[in-house]
Amino acid sequence: MLTEENKVSLLINRLGGGGAERVATEISNYSNSKIDLNIVMLGYKISYDINKTPHSLDINAYKKKKTTPIGKIMTIIEGSWKYFIYLKENKISLSVSMLEPSNMINIIASSLAKTKCIISIRTNPFGDATSKIEKLYNRVLLHLAKKKTNKIILNSYSLRQELVDMNLCHENNTLVIYNPKNIEDICRKSGEEVDNIEIDDNKYLLVNASRLEENKGHKHLLRIFQHILRTHPSKLLICGVGSLEEELKYFAKILGIENDVIFLGWCENPYKYFSKADVFVYPSLLDSQPNALIEALICGCPIVSNDCDFGPREILDDGKYGLLSLKLEDKPLSPEDPLTDAERDFKEKVILLLDNPNLRKDFSKISEERLNIFDREKLVNDYLECMYDTLLHP
């Protein structure tokens, strides 16, 4: 039975696309009778279907899209105060958060409100940092989390081991929960027809899905695809939105491949493309557990992924369920530069799959045995049980 002691809030930046946002939506939609769960957002953007309307803190920096260092500091200050008031007024017993700056805001506000606290870290805090200030910020966050939170949830065992080895979290104070997936729904949607673009049976079809941001490796992918086209007539579909969209379109034009690359933007149903692709290509430079890679696996799409830290190798079980390339370098590359060793390796693995339909079928078939570890019901229940257990115990 729900009581005042069971009130839980889940703080997240917004629900405007992204892996953590999808997980938060799944948890909210699958809430149970043990806890009264409410989603709280810093901004107000929703891309997913959610059963219960979230509360927005209406943070100024999120309304004005300020991402400067000063804007981030102001977000934490304003967010911490507004969230503290929300926790007190709504008599929240446990506060859970995902992503930055929501995790920092949660730690500060819940400490002030004397509310139990759980944070979820979903990427390598140091691999994602682009400056010394960001690395310092992340180190402060983890030290605070180690002392001030009841539990830290991670979505990768290898990421947890990395943080434990760095003495930034205790193994007994962390919990690994993979990203929950509605496998039945994904499989159903994967069977839908593609009617917005023309699929040429005489060309191979490559698909990628991720945010169009620097650390997702799209420039590597476009350079690699230019070389694949020289021997294998193909189309490349890219699902996703982000700050680099126009820059990537221009990059494709400079490479002379703009007619063979289709930027689909935000896709309500990317699975119908995954299921019809010859290869799902994932060049991300940084990830802890990429949703799109899991969803491509569920759709039975053969995969070539960059072997970036943590996520892909763990999902693909060291290459058993998809091919891993040499690690792509995180450095600027121009259209004229020759392919790096890692880019050539990625290209060769894609071509290996394109040239071997039986190998593609083998990967498609074997992927079925991997799906249960991402089952939504079990994993969402793991989140909810973690919350309920934290409510019951100090």
Protein backbone atom coordinates (compact mmCIF):
# COMPACT_ATOMS: atom_id res chain seq x y z
CA MET A 1 0.00 0.00 0.00
CA LEU A 2 1.27 3.49 -0.89
CA THR A 3 1.97 5.75 2.08
CA GLU A 4 3.67 9.09 2.57
CA GLU A 5 6.86 7.17 3.42
CA ASN A 6 6.84 5.62 -0.07
CA LYS A 7 7.07 8.88 -2.04
CA VAL A 8 9.93 8.84 -4.52
CA SER A 9 10.99 11.43 -7.09
CA LEU A 10 13.15 10.72 -10.13
CA LEU A 11 15.06 13.81 -11.28
CA ILE A 12 16.31 14.02 -14.86
CA ASN A 13 17.33 16.89 -17.13
CA ARG A 14 14.40 16.30 -19.51
CA LEU A 15 12.77 13.51 -21.49
CA GLY A 16 13.72 14.81 -24.92
CA GLY A 17 15.34 11.72 -26.37
CA GLY A 18 18.38 9.78 -25.20
CA GLY A 19 19.05 6.50 -23.41
CA ALA A 20 18.69 7.62 -19.78
CA GLU A 21 15.50 9.46 -20.66
CA ARG A 22 14.03 6.31 -22.16
CA VAL A 23 14.98 4.32 -19.05
CA ALA A 24 13.34 6.94 -16.80
CA THR A 25 10.18 6.71 -18.91
CA GLU A 26 10.13 2.91 -18.67
CA ILE A 27 10.52 3.06 -14.87
CA SER A 28 7.74 5.62 -14.56
CA ASN A 29 5.36 3.70 -16.81
CA TYR A 30 6.05 0.44 -14.98
CA SER A 31 5.78 1.76 -11.42
CA ASN A 32 4.26 -0.61 -8.86
CA SER A 33 2.14 -0.52 -5.74
CA LYS A 34 5.14 -0.32 -3.40
CA ILE A 35 6.21 3.23 -4.22
CA ASP A 36 4.65 6.48 -5.39
CA LEU A 37 7.05 7.55 -8.14
CA ASN A 38 7.03 11.00 -9.74
CA ILE A 39 9.27 12.27 -12.55
CA VAL A 40 10.80 15.73 -12.06
CA MET A 41 12.61 17.51 -14.91
CA LEU A 42 14.92 20.53 -15.02
CA GLY A 43 13.43 21.66 -18.33
CA TYR A 44 10.27 20.61 -20.11
CA LYS A 45 10.83 18.54 -23.21
CA ILE A 46 9.23 15.13 -23.71
CA SER A 47 9.84 12.78 -26.66
CA TYR A 48 8.53 9.55 -25.17
CA ASP A 49 5.04 8.40 -24.21
CA ILE A 50 4.73 8.70 -20.44
CA ASN A 51 1.70 7.75 -18.37
CA LYS A 52 2.05 10.38 -15.66
CA THR A 53 2.75 14.04 -16.44
CA PRO A 54 6.21 15.02 -15.09
CA HIS A 55 6.78 18.06 -12.92
CA SER A 56 9.18 20.70 -14.33
CA LEU A 57 11.45 22.82 -12.14
CA ASP A 58 11.50 25.29 -15.04
CA ILE A 59 15.22 26.07 -14.77
CA ASN A 60 16.19 29.28 -16.59
CA ALA A 61 19.32 27.84 -18.21
CA TYR A 62 17.25 25.02 -19.73
CA LYS A 63 14.69 27.46 -21.10
CA LYS A 64 17.45 29.59 -22.64
CA LYS A 65 19.64 26.60 -23.60
CA LYS A 66 22.68 28.04 -21.83
CA THR A 67 25.48 25.49 -21.78
CA THR A 68 28.33 27.83 -20.83
CA PRO A 69 30.26 27.17 -17.59
CA ILE A 70 28.40 30.05 -15.94
CA GLY A 71 25.10 28.65 -17.25
CA LYS A 72 25.92 25.25 -15.74
CA ILE A 73 26.81 26.78 -12.38
CA MET A 74 23.59 28.78 -12.36
CA THR A 75 21.65 25.62 -13.26
CA ILE A 76 23.10 23.80 -10.25
CA ILE A 77 22.41 26.71 -7.89
CA GLU A 78 18.86 27.37 -9.11
CA GLY A 79 18.11 23.67 -9.54
CA SER A 80 19.34 22.72 -6.07
CA TRP A 81 17.18 25.39 -4.41
CA LYS A 82 14.05 24.64 -6.41
CA TYR A 83 14.47 20.90 -6.00
CA PHE A 84 15.07 21.27 -2.25
CA ILE A 85 11.74 23.14 -2.02
CA TYR A 86 10.03 20.43 -4.11
CA LEU A 87 11.39 17.66 -1.85
CA LYS A 88 10.22 19.42 1.32
CA GLU A 89 6.81 20.51 0.04
CA ASN A 90 6.00 17.09 -1.40
CA LYS A 91 7.46 15.18 1.56
CA ILE A 92 9.67 13.04 -0.66
CA SER A 93 11.34 10.16 1.20
CA LEU A 94 13.77 9.13 -1.57
CA SER A 95 15.23 11.12 -4.43
CA VAL A 96 16.69 9.32 -7.47
CA SER A 97 18.49 11.05 -10.35
CA MET A 98 20.08 10.38 -13.73
CA LEU A 99 22.59 12.38 -15.79
CA GLU A 100 24.34 15.67 -15.14
CA PRO A 101 23.63 18.19 -13.73
CA SER A 102 20.66 16.34 -12.17
CA ASN A 103 22.95 14.09 -10.11
CA MET A 104 24.77 17.04 -8.52
CA ILE A 105 21.49 18.85 -7.89
CA ASN A 106 20.07 15.71 -6.30
CA ILE A 107 23.04 15.26 -3.95
CA ILE A 108 22.92 18.89 -2.79
CA ALA A 109 19.13 19.18 -2.46
CA SER A 110 18.58 15.80 -0.80
CA SER A 111 21.38 16.53 1.70
CA LEU A 112 19.68 19.82 2.63
CA ALA A 113 16.27 18.18 2.81
CA LYS A 114 17.63 15.14 4.69
CA THR A 115 16.11 12.90 2.02
CA LYS A 116 17.55 9.53 1.03
CA CYS A 117 19.44 9.71 -2.24
CA ILE A 118 20.30 7.44 -5.19
CA ILE A 119 22.16 8.63 -8.29
CA SER A 120 22.62 6.83 -11.60
CA ILE A 121 25.90 7.26 -13.50
CA ARG A 122 25.51 6.21 -17.11
CA THR A 123 28.79 7.14 -18.82
CA ASN A 124 32.46 7.26 -17.91
CA PRO A 125 32.65 10.57 -15.97
CA PHE A 126 36.24 11.15 -17.09
CA GLY A 127 36.13 9.86 -20.65
CA ASP A 128 33.28 12.28 -21.36
CA ALA A 129 35.07 15.28 -19.85
CA THR A 130 36.58 17.69 -22.37
CA SER A 131 38.46 19.97 -19.97
CA LYS A 132 40.32 19.94 -16.67
CA ILE A 133 37.42 21.81 -15.07
CA GLU A 134 34.95 19.11 -16.14
CA LYS A 135 37.25 16.38 -14.83
CA LEU A 136 37.56 18.21 -11.51
CA TYR A 137 33.79 18.64 -11.38
CA ASN A 138 33.26 14.92 -12.00
CA ARG A 139 35.77 13.98 -9.33
CA VAL A 140 33.99 16.25 -6.82
CA LEU A 141 30.66 14.71 -7.84
CA LEU A 142 31.92 11.18 -7.25
CA HIS A 143 33.49 12.06 -3.89
CA LEU A 144 30.19 13.60 -2.80
CA ALA A 145 28.29 10.61 -4.14
CA LYS A 146 30.55 8.24 -2.21
CA LYS A 147 29.75 10.06 1.05
CA LYS A 148 26.24 11.44 0.57
CA THR A 149 24.26 8.85 -1.41
CA ASN A 150 22.59 5.67 -0.25
CA LYS A 151 23.28 3.90 -3.54
CA ILE A 152 24.93 4.49 -6.92
CA ILE A 153 23.35 2.71 -9.89
CA LEU A 154 25.53 2.02 -12.95
CA ASN A 155 24.59 0.36 -16.23
CA SER A 156 27.89 -1.39 -16.87
CA TYR A 157 29.97 -3.82 -14.79
CA SER A 158 33.16 -2.63 -16.44
CA LEU A 159 32.35 0.99 -15.59
CA ARG A 160 31.72 0.01 -11.97
CA GLN A 161 35.06 -1.79 -11.82
CA GLU A 162 36.80 1.27 -13.26
CA LEU A 163 35.34 3.56 -10.59
CA VAL A 164 36.06 1.06 -7.80
CA ASP A 165 39.67 0.75 -8.98
CA MET A 166 39.95 4.55 -8.90
CA ASN A 167 38.59 4.49 -5.32
CA LEU A 168 35.68 6.70 -6.39
CA CYS A 169 32.94 4.36 -5.23
CA HIS A 170 32.51 1.33 -2.97
CA GLU A 171 31.54 -1.95 -4.62
CA ASN A 172 29.05 -2.69 -1.82
CA ASN A 173 27.37 0.68 -2.36
CA THR A 174 26.83 0.23 -6.10
CA LEU A 175 24.37 -1.72 -8.20
CA VAL A 176 24.59 -2.55 -11.91
CA ILE A 177 21.30 -2.57 -13.81
CA TYR A 178 21.27 -2.84 -17.60
CA ASN A 179 18.97 -0.65 -19.69
CA PRO A 180 15.48 -2.21 -19.72
CA LYS A 181 13.98 -2.99 -23.12
CA ASN A 182 10.44 -3.83 -24.17
CA ILE A 183 11.58 -6.67 -26.41
CA GLU A 184 8.10 -7.64 -27.59
CA ASP A 185 7.27 -4.06 -28.60
CA ILE A 186 10.61 -3.57 -30.38
CA CYS A 187 10.12 -6.80 -32.34
CA ARG A 188 6.59 -5.76 -33.29
CA LYS A 189 7.67 -2.31 -34.46
CA SER A 190 10.63 -3.77 -36.36
CA GLY A 191 8.14 -5.47 -38.68
CA GLU A 192 6.55 -2.20 -39.80
CA GLU A 193 7.04 -1.15 -43.42
CA VAL A 194 9.46 1.61 -44.40
CA ASP A 195 7.40 4.06 -46.44
CA ASN A 196 9.25 7.37 -46.06
CA ILE A 197 12.35 6.40 -48.04
CA GLU A 198 13.04 4.12 -50.97
CA ILE A 199 15.11 1.04 -50.22
CA ASP A 200 17.08 -0.14 -53.26
CA ASP A 201 17.45 -3.92 -53.37
CA ASN A 202 20.57 -3.45 -55.49
CA LYS A 203 22.34 -1.55 -52.71
CA TYR A 204 23.48 -2.60 -49.26
CA LEU A 205 21.79 -0.81 -46.38
CA LEU A 206 23.80 0.45 -43.39
CA VAL A 207 22.06 2.02 -40.40
CA ASN A 208 23.26 4.08 -37.46
CA ALA A 209 21.28 5.60 -34.60
CA SER A 210 22.63 7.99 -31.97
CA ARG A 211 22.70 11.63 -30.98
CA LEU A 212 24.51 13.81 -33.51
CA GLU A 213 27.23 14.93 -31.13
CA GLU A 214 31.02 14.94 -31.30
CA ASN A 215 31.61 11.88 -29.12
CA LYS A 216 29.35 9.66 -31.25
CA GLY A 217 31.97 9.34 -34.00
CA HIS A 218 29.83 10.23 -37.03
CA LYS A 219 32.72 11.89 -38.89
CA HIS A 220 34.64 8.63 -38.62
CA LEU A 221 31.58 6.82 -39.97
CA LEU A 222 31.19 9.16 -42.95
CA ARG A 223 34.88 8.83 -43.84
CA ILE A 224 34.63 5.03 -43.58
CA PHE A 225 31.43 4.95 -45.63
CA GLN A 226 33.08 6.95 -48.43
CA HIS A 227 35.60 4.12 -48.82
CA ILE A 228 32.96 1.37 -48.58
CA LEU A 229 31.10 3.01 -51.47
CA ARG A 230 34.10 2.55 -53.74
CA THR A 231 33.48 -1.20 -53.88
CA HIS A 232 30.01 -1.76 -52.41
CA PRO A 233 27.04 0.34 -53.61
CA SER A 234 25.23 1.24 -50.39
CA LYS A 235 22.94 3.61 -48.54
CA LEU A 236 23.65 4.89 -45.04
CA LEU A 237 20.70 5.87 -42.84
CA ILE A 238 21.43 7.95 -39.74
CA CYS A 239 18.70 8.24 -37.10
CA GLY A 240 19.06 10.98 -34.51
CA VAL A 241 19.24 14.68 -33.84
CA GLY A 242 21.88 16.87 -32.26
CA SER A 243 24.02 19.97 -32.48
CA LEU A 244 26.22 18.59 -35.31
CA GLU A 245 23.46 17.86 -37.80
CA GLU A 246 24.24 20.63 -40.28
CA GLU A 247 27.99 20.17 -39.87
CA LEU A 248 27.70 16.45 -40.61
CA LYS A 249 25.55 17.09 -43.67
CA TYR A 250 28.21 19.49 -44.95
CA PHE A 251 30.94 16.95 -44.12
CA ALA A 252 29.10 14.35 -46.22
CA LYS A 253 28.83 16.86 -49.06
CA ILE A 254 32.58 17.59 -48.97
CA LEU A 255 33.21 13.84 -49.09
CA GLY A 256 30.94 13.61 -52.15
CA ILE A 257 28.58 11.10 -50.52
CA GLU A 258 25.61 13.34 -49.70
CA ASN A 259 23.36 11.45 -52.13
CA ASP A 260 24.10 8.16 -50.40
CA VAL A 261 23.59 9.34 -46.80
CA ILE A 262 20.10 10.01 -45.42
CA PHE A 263 19.74 11.92 -42.17
CA LEU A 264 16.38 10.79 -40.84
CA GLY A 265 16.27 13.07 -37.79
CA TRP A 266 14.33 11.96 -34.72
CA CYS A 267 12.84 8.50 -35.39
CA GLU A 268 9.78 7.38 -33.45
CA ASN A 269 10.42 3.87 -34.75
CA PRO A 270 14.06 3.25 -35.69
CA TYR A 271 13.55 -0.51 -35.37
CA LYS A 272 11.92 -0.84 -38.79
CA TYR A 273 15.21 0.38 -40.28
CA PHE A 274 17.34 -1.88 -38.04
CA SER A 275 15.47 -5.01 -39.09
CA LYS A 276 15.93 -4.25 -42.79
CA ALA A 277 19.59 -3.23 -42.62
CA ASP A 278 22.47 -5.40 -43.74
CA VAL A 279 24.69 -3.96 -41.01
CA PHE A 280 24.17 -1.71 -37.99
CA VAL A 281 27.25 0.52 -37.71
CA TYR A 282 28.16 2.08 -34.37
CA PRO A 283 31.29 4.28 -34.30
CA SER A 284 30.67 5.95 -30.91
CA LEU A 285 33.85 7.10 -29.15
CA LEU A 286 32.34 6.88 -25.68
CA ASP A 287 29.49 4.87 -24.19
CA SER A 288 28.64 2.84 -21.15
CA GLN A 289 25.57 1.02 -22.48
CA PRO A 290 24.24 2.34 -25.79
CA ASN A 291 20.51 1.75 -26.22
CA ALA A 292 20.67 1.71 -30.01
CA LEU A 293 23.23 -1.10 -29.99
CA ILE A 294 20.99 -3.20 -27.73
CA GLU A 295 17.96 -2.46 -29.91
CA ALA A 296 19.83 -3.41 -33.09
CA LEU A 297 20.73 -6.69 -31.39
CA ILE A 298 17.06 -7.27 -30.49
CA CYS A 299 16.10 -6.62 -34.13
CA GLY A 300 18.57 -9.27 -35.26
CA CYS A 301 20.70 -6.79 -37.18
CA PRO A 302 24.38 -7.77 -37.69
CA ILE A 303 26.59 -5.25 -35.88
CA VAL A 304 29.96 -3.60 -36.33
CA SER A 305 30.84 -1.39 -33.37
CA ASN A 306 33.80 0.65 -32.27
CA ASP A 307 35.41 -1.01 -29.25
CA CYS A 308 35.09 2.11 -27.12
CA ASP A 309 35.38 1.87 -23.34
CA PHE A 310 32.83 -0.21 -21.44
CA GLY A 311 29.58 -0.50 -23.40
CA PRO A 312 29.87 -2.30 -26.75
CA ARG A 313 32.28 -5.04 -25.64
CA GLU A 314 30.07 -5.86 -22.66
CA ILE A 315 26.86 -5.87 -24.72
CA LEU A 316 28.38 -7.96 -27.52
CA ASP A 317 30.13 -10.31 -25.05
CA ASP A 318 33.66 -9.72 -26.33
CA GLY A 319 32.57 -9.99 -29.97
CA LYS A 320 30.39 -13.10 -29.75
CA TYR A 321 27.25 -11.23 -30.82
CA GLY A 322 28.78 -8.64 -33.16
CA LEU A 323 32.10 -7.45 -34.58
CA LEU A 324 34.28 -4.99 -32.63
CA SER A 325 36.70 -2.74 -34.47
CA LEU A 326 39.96 -1.30 -33.22
CA LYS A 327 39.34 1.71 -30.98
CA LEU A 328 38.69 4.84 -33.07
CA GLU A 329 40.70 7.88 -32.05
CA ASP A 330 39.05 10.93 -30.54
CA LYS A 331 40.80 13.53 -32.68
CA PRO A 332 39.79 15.94 -35.45
CA LEU A 333 39.99 14.54 -38.96
CA SER A 334 39.44 16.30 -42.26
CA PRO A 335 37.75 14.77 -45.33
CA GLU A 336 41.15 14.66 -47.09
CA ASP A 337 43.00 12.68 -44.41
CA PRO A 338 43.69 9.02 -45.23
CA LEU A 339 41.82 6.45 -43.14
CA THR A 340 43.43 5.65 -39.81
CA ASP A 341 44.27 2.04 -38.91
CA ALA A 342 41.15 1.83 -36.75
CA GLU A 343 38.94 3.27 -39.51
CA ARG A 344 40.35 0.74 -42.00
CA ASP A 345 39.66 -2.05 -39.53
CA PHE A 346 36.07 -0.84 -39.09
CA LYS A 347 35.63 -0.66 -42.87
CA GLU A 348 37.03 -4.16 -43.38
CA LYS A 349 34.69 -5.62 -40.77
CA VAL A 350 31.68 -3.99 -42.43
CA ILE A 351 32.77 -5.33 -45.82
CA LEU A 352 33.32 -8.77 -44.28
CA LEU A 353 29.65 -8.83 -43.28
CA LEU A 354 28.45 -7.39 -46.59
CA ASP A 355 30.36 -10.06 -48.52
CA ASN A 356 29.14 -12.93 -46.34
CA PRO A 357 25.34 -13.25 -46.14
CA ASN A 358 25.67 -16.50 -44.18
CA LEU A 359 27.75 -14.74 -41.53
CA ARG A 360 25.07 -12.06 -41.30
CA LYS A 361 22.44 -14.77 -40.82
CA ASP A 362 24.56 -16.41 -38.12
CA PHE A 363 24.83 -13.16 -36.15
CA SER A 364 21.12 -12.49 -36.60
CA LYS A 365 20.21 -15.93 -35.28
CA ILE A 366 22.62 -16.02 -32.35
CA SER A 367 21.46 -12.60 -31.11
CA GLU A 368 18.23 -14.23 -29.84
CA GLU A 369 20.07 -15.91 -26.96
CA ARG A 370 21.35 -12.55 -25.70
CA LEU A 371 18.02 -10.76 -25.36
CA ASN A 372 16.81 -11.87 -21.95
CA ILE A 373 19.46 -9.90 -20.05
CA PHE A 374 17.77 -6.70 -21.32
CA ASP A 375 14.21 -7.75 -20.49
CA ARG A 376 12.20 -4.74 -19.37
CA GLU A 377 10.09 -6.38 -16.67
CA LYS A 378 13.06 -7.81 -14.79
CA LEU A 379 15.28 -4.74 -15.04
CA VAL A 380 12.60 -2.16 -14.21
CA ASN A 381 11.71 -4.33 -11.23
CA ASP A 382 15.40 -4.23 -10.22
CA TYR A 383 15.22 -0.40 -10.22
CA LEU A 384 11.99 -0.37 -8.22
CA GLU A 385 13.24 -2.95 -5.73
CA CYS A 386 16.42 -0.92 -5.22
CA MET A 387 14.27 2.14 -4.47
CA TYR A 388 11.96 0.21 -2.15
CA ASP A 389 14.87 -1.43 -0.32
CA THR A 390 16.48 2.00 0.19
CA LEU A 391 13.20 3.33 1.62
CA LEU A 392 13.06 0.46 4.11
CA HIS A 393 16.69 0.54 5.25
CA PRO A 394 19.04 3.35 6.37
